[in-house]
Amino acid sequence: MPDADQPTASLPRSQRRNEFTTFLVLAFGIWPIVAVGVVGAYGFLVWMFQIIFGPPGPPAH
C-alpha cells in the first residue's frame, strides 16, 4: 500500500489502471443508477403520500 503523500505517478501501471477503471465504473455506472433510484424513490414516496392524504393546499369547500 503506497503512502498517502506519495505521488500518483510512482504507482505501478497496473494499479493506476485499476484505480482509473474503478473510477469510471463508479462515476459513469453506479452513481448515476443510485441517483436515479433515490430521485425515483422520493417521487414515489410523494405520490403515495398524496394518494393517501390528498394534494397539498387548503381543503375544498
Protein backbone atom coordinates (compact mmCIF):
# COMPACT_ATOMS: atom_id res chain seq x y z
CA MET A 1 0.00 0.00 0.00
CA PRO A 2 1.57 3.32 -1.01
CA ASP A 3 1.92 6.20 1.41
CA ALA A 4 -0.77 8.89 1.35
CA ASP A 5 1.71 11.59 0.35
CA GLN A 6 3.34 9.52 -2.40
CA PRO A 7 2.67 10.96 -5.88
CA THR A 8 0.35 9.02 -8.19
CA ALA A 9 2.95 8.90 -10.97
CA SER A 10 5.11 6.50 -8.95
CA LEU A 11 2.33 3.89 -8.59
CA PRO A 12 2.67 0.76 -10.70
CA ARG A 13 0.98 0.98 -14.09
CA SER A 14 -1.46 -1.86 -13.34
CA GLN A 15 -2.60 -0.22 -10.08
CA ARG A 16 -3.17 3.11 -11.83
CA ARG A 17 -5.20 1.33 -14.50
CA ASN A 18 -7.25 -0.48 -11.83
CA GLU A 19 -7.94 2.77 -9.98
CA PHE A 20 -8.93 4.52 -13.20
CA THR A 21 -11.26 1.65 -14.16
CA THR A 22 -12.80 1.74 -10.69
CA PHE A 23 -13.32 5.50 -11.02
CA LEU A 24 -15.03 5.08 -14.40
CA VAL A 25 -17.32 2.35 -13.11
CA LEU A 26 -18.29 4.46 -10.09
CA ALA A 27 -18.60 7.78 -11.93
CA PHE A 28 -20.49 6.57 -15.00
CA GLY A 29 -22.12 3.36 -13.81
CA ILE A 30 -23.03 3.01 -10.18
CA TRP A 31 -23.58 6.61 -9.04
CA PRO A 32 -25.95 7.59 -11.88
CA ILE A 33 -28.03 4.48 -11.14
CA VAL A 34 -28.06 5.33 -7.41
CA ALA A 35 -29.04 8.95 -8.16
CA VAL A 36 -31.93 7.90 -10.42
CA GLY A 37 -33.05 5.39 -7.78
CA VAL A 38 -33.03 7.98 -4.98
CA VAL A 39 -34.95 10.57 -7.02
CA GLY A 40 -37.40 7.92 -8.23
CA ALA A 41 -37.96 6.64 -4.69
CA TYR A 42 -38.60 10.17 -3.44
CA GLY A 43 -41.09 10.79 -6.25
CA PHE A 44 -42.84 7.51 -5.45
CA LEU A 45 -42.99 8.45 -1.77
CA VAL A 46 -44.56 11.84 -2.55
CA TRP A 47 -47.02 10.20 -4.96
CA MET A 48 -48.12 7.61 -2.36
CA PHE A 49 -48.38 10.30 0.33
CA GLN A 50 -50.67 12.37 -1.90
CA ILE A 51 -52.80 9.35 -2.77
CA ILE A 52 -53.40 8.71 0.94
CA PHE A 53 -53.65 12.28 2.30
CA GLY A 54 -54.62 14.27 -0.81
CA PRO A 55 -52.73 17.05 -2.55
CA PRO A 56 -51.31 19.98 -0.57
CA GLY A 57 -53.26 23.18 -0.19
CA PRO A 58 -56.39 24.39 1.51
CA PRO A 59 -59.29 21.95 1.72
CA ALA A 60 -62.02 22.25 -0.90
CA HIS A 61 -65.34 23.78 0.15
